Amino acid sequence: MQKIFHFDSPPEPYVSDAAVLCCFDERIRLAVNKFLRRQGILRPDMIVVAGGAKTLASPRNDFERDFILEQCGCQCGSIRRRACSS
């Protein structure tokens, strides 16, 4: 296996500015990043899924909603957040 990228990440917990749930559609990425910067959110924890916050507002089934809620809370032990946004 060929190593193509090296990155060192500090092992200690950090404080993100917000957990942000959004759609993975590339067309909105620039707008999302611009919005977050204007809100003062410089270190977001991005939860990126098809449909974004729609998966919570009108999920197709219980599994979809439960999956997103699990993703929002799965890092609670190692990451602290100041806010949540979608």
C-alpha atoms as a PDB file:
ATOM      1  CA  MET A   1       0.000   0.000   0.000  1.00  0.00           C
ATOM      2  CA  GLN A   2       1.351   3.437  -0.937  1.00  0.00           C
ATOM      3  CA  LYS A   3       0.965   6.275   1.548  1.00  0.00           C
ATOM      4  CA  ILE A   4      -0.385   9.305  -0.289  1.00  0.00           C
ATOM      5  CA  PHE A   5      -1.125  11.682   2.576  1.00  0.00           C
ATOM      6  CA  HIS A   6       0.148  12.260   6.106  1.00  0.00           C
ATOM      7  CA  PHE A   7      -1.688  14.216   8.769  1.00  0.00           C
ATOM      8  CA  ASP A   8      -1.077  14.411  12.521  1.00  0.00           C
ATOM      9  CA  SER A   9      -4.087  15.194  14.658  1.00  0.00           C
ATOM     10  CA  PRO A  10      -3.785  15.969  18.374  1.00  0.00           C
ATOM     11  CA  PRO A  11      -5.289  13.154  20.478  1.00  0.00           C
ATOM     12  CA  GLU A  12      -6.800  15.389  23.167  1.00  0.00           C
ATOM     13  CA  PRO A  13     -10.471  16.472  23.006  1.00  0.00           C
ATOM     14  CA  TYR A  14     -11.308  19.763  21.352  1.00  0.00           C
ATOM     15  CA  VAL A  15     -14.276  22.116  21.405  1.00  0.00           C
ATOM     16  CA  SER A  16     -16.051  22.539  18.101  1.00  0.00           C
ATOM     17  CA  ASP A  17     -18.189  25.594  17.500  1.00  0.00           C
ATOM     18  CA  ALA A  18     -21.231  23.562  16.410  1.00  0.00           C
ATOM     19  CA  ALA A  19     -22.491  20.256  15.106  1.00  0.00           C
ATOM     20  CA  VAL A  20     -23.900  21.016  11.660  1.00  0.00           C
ATOM     21  CA  LEU A  21     -26.203  18.637   9.798  1.00  0.00           C
ATOM     22  CA  CYS A  22     -26.301  19.332   6.070  1.00  0.00           C
ATOM     23  CA  CYS A  23     -26.745  17.730   2.675  1.00  0.00           C
ATOM     24  CA  PHE A  24     -23.711  16.412   0.828  1.00  0.00           C
ATOM     25  CA  ASP A  25     -24.728  18.165  -2.408  1.00  0.00           C
ATOM     26  CA  GLU A  26     -21.589  19.947  -3.671  1.00  0.00           C
ATOM     27  CA  ARG A  27     -23.686  22.791  -5.101  1.00  0.00           C
ATOM     28  CA  ILE A  28     -24.501  24.139  -1.622  1.00  0.00           C
ATOM     29  CA  ARG A  29     -21.109  23.621   0.029  1.00  0.00           C
ATOM     30  CA  LEU A  30     -19.839  27.158  -0.655  1.00  0.00           C
ATOM     31  CA  ALA A  31     -23.080  28.686   0.682  1.00  0.00           C
ATOM     32  CA  VAL A  32     -22.980  26.502   3.826  1.00  0.00           C
ATOM     33  CA  ASN A  33     -19.354  27.426   4.547  1.00  0.00           C
ATOM     34  CA  LYS A  34     -20.057  31.130   3.990  1.00  0.00           C
ATOM     35  CA  PHE A  35     -23.118  30.986   6.276  1.00  0.00           C
ATOM     36  CA  LEU A  36     -21.155  29.237   9.027  1.00  0.00           C
ATOM     37  CA  ARG A  37     -18.330  31.797   8.872  1.00  0.00           C
ATOM     38  CA  ARG A  38     -20.840  34.659   9.094  1.00  0.00           C
ATOM     39  CA  GLN A  39     -22.329  32.993  12.182  1.00  0.00           C
ATOM     40  CA  GLY A  40     -18.869  32.783  13.750  1.00  0.00           C
ATOM     41  CA  ILE A  41     -18.701  29.000  13.371  1.00  0.00           C
ATOM     42  CA  LEU A  42     -15.101  28.391  12.371  1.00  0.00           C
ATOM     43  CA  ARG A  43     -14.660  24.824  13.695  1.00  0.00           C
ATOM     44  CA  PRO A  44     -17.841  22.924  12.806  1.00  0.00           C
ATOM     45  CA  ASP A  45     -18.339  19.196  13.208  1.00  0.00           C
ATOM     46  CA  MET A  46     -20.015  18.394   9.913  1.00  0.00           C
ATOM     47  CA  ILE A  47     -22.605  15.617   9.730  1.00  0.00           C
ATOM     48  CA  VAL A  48     -23.108  15.300   5.993  1.00  0.00           C
ATOM     49  CA  VAL A  49     -25.902  13.064   4.655  1.00  0.00           C
ATOM     50  CA  ALA A  50     -28.248  12.938   1.685  1.00  0.00           C
ATOM     51  CA  GLY A  51     -31.123  15.296   2.413  1.00  0.00           C
ATOM     52  CA  GLY A  52     -29.437  17.003   5.380  1.00  0.00           C
ATOM     53  CA  ALA A  53     -31.834  18.237   8.069  1.00  0.00           C
ATOM     54  CA  LYS A  54     -34.784  16.916   6.047  1.00  0.00           C
ATOM     55  CA  THR A  55     -33.879  13.481   7.431  1.00  0.00           C
ATOM     56  CA  LEU A  56     -34.987  14.734  10.851  1.00  0.00           C
ATOM     57  CA  ALA A  57     -37.859  16.970   9.754  1.00  0.00           C
ATOM     58  CA  SER A  58     -39.562  14.328   7.597  1.00  0.00           C
ATOM     59  CA  PRO A  59     -37.695  11.011   7.720  1.00  0.00           C
ATOM     60  CA  ARG A  60     -38.724   8.267   5.306  1.00  0.00           C
ATOM     61  CA  ASN A  61     -38.657   5.764   8.168  1.00  0.00           C
ATOM     62  CA  ASP A  62     -37.614   5.360  11.809  1.00  0.00           C
ATOM     63  CA  PHE A  63     -34.222   3.951  10.849  1.00  0.00           C
ATOM     64  CA  GLU A  64     -33.292   7.106   8.945  1.00  0.00           C
ATOM     65  CA  ARG A  65     -34.156   9.372  11.887  1.00  0.00           C
ATOM     66  CA  ASP A  66     -32.475   7.097  14.433  1.00  0.00           C
ATOM     67  CA  PHE A  67     -29.317   6.881  12.315  1.00  0.00           C
ATOM     68  CA  ILE A  68     -28.974  10.668  12.117  1.00  0.00           C
ATOM     69  CA  LEU A  69     -29.640  11.130  15.829  1.00  0.00           C
ATOM     70  CA  GLU A  70     -26.982   8.511  16.565  1.00  0.00           C
ATOM     71  CA  GLN A  71     -24.493  10.334  14.329  1.00  0.00           C
ATOM     72  CA  CYS A  72     -25.229  13.615  16.097  1.00  0.00           C
ATOM     73  CA  GLY A  73     -24.475  12.067  19.465  1.00  0.00           C
ATOM     74  CA  CYS A  74     -21.789   9.509  18.660  1.00  0.00           C
ATOM     75  CA  GLN A  75     -18.863  11.785  19.531  1.00  0.00           C
ATOM     76  CA  CYS A  76     -20.192  13.021  22.870  1.00  0.00           C
ATOM     77  CA  GLY A  77     -17.408  11.391  24.856  1.00  0.00           C
ATOM     78  CA  SER A  78     -14.511  12.882  22.902  1.00  0.00           C
ATOM     79  CA  ILE A  79     -15.799  16.150  21.450  1.00  0.00           C
ATOM     80  CA  ARG A  80     -17.520  19.066  23.141  1.00  0.00           C
ATOM     81  CA  ARG A  81     -19.730  21.397  21.119  1.00  0.00           C
ATOM     82  CA  ARG A  82     -20.889  24.924  21.768  1.00  0.00           C
ATOM     83  CA  ALA A  83     -24.035  24.719  19.599  1.00  0.00           C
ATOM     84  CA  CYS A  84     -26.075  22.620  17.198  1.00  0.00           C
ATOM     85  CA  SER A  85     -27.318  23.829  13.826  1.00  0.00           C
ATOM     86  CA  SER A  86     -28.974  22.387  10.746  1.00  0.00           C
END
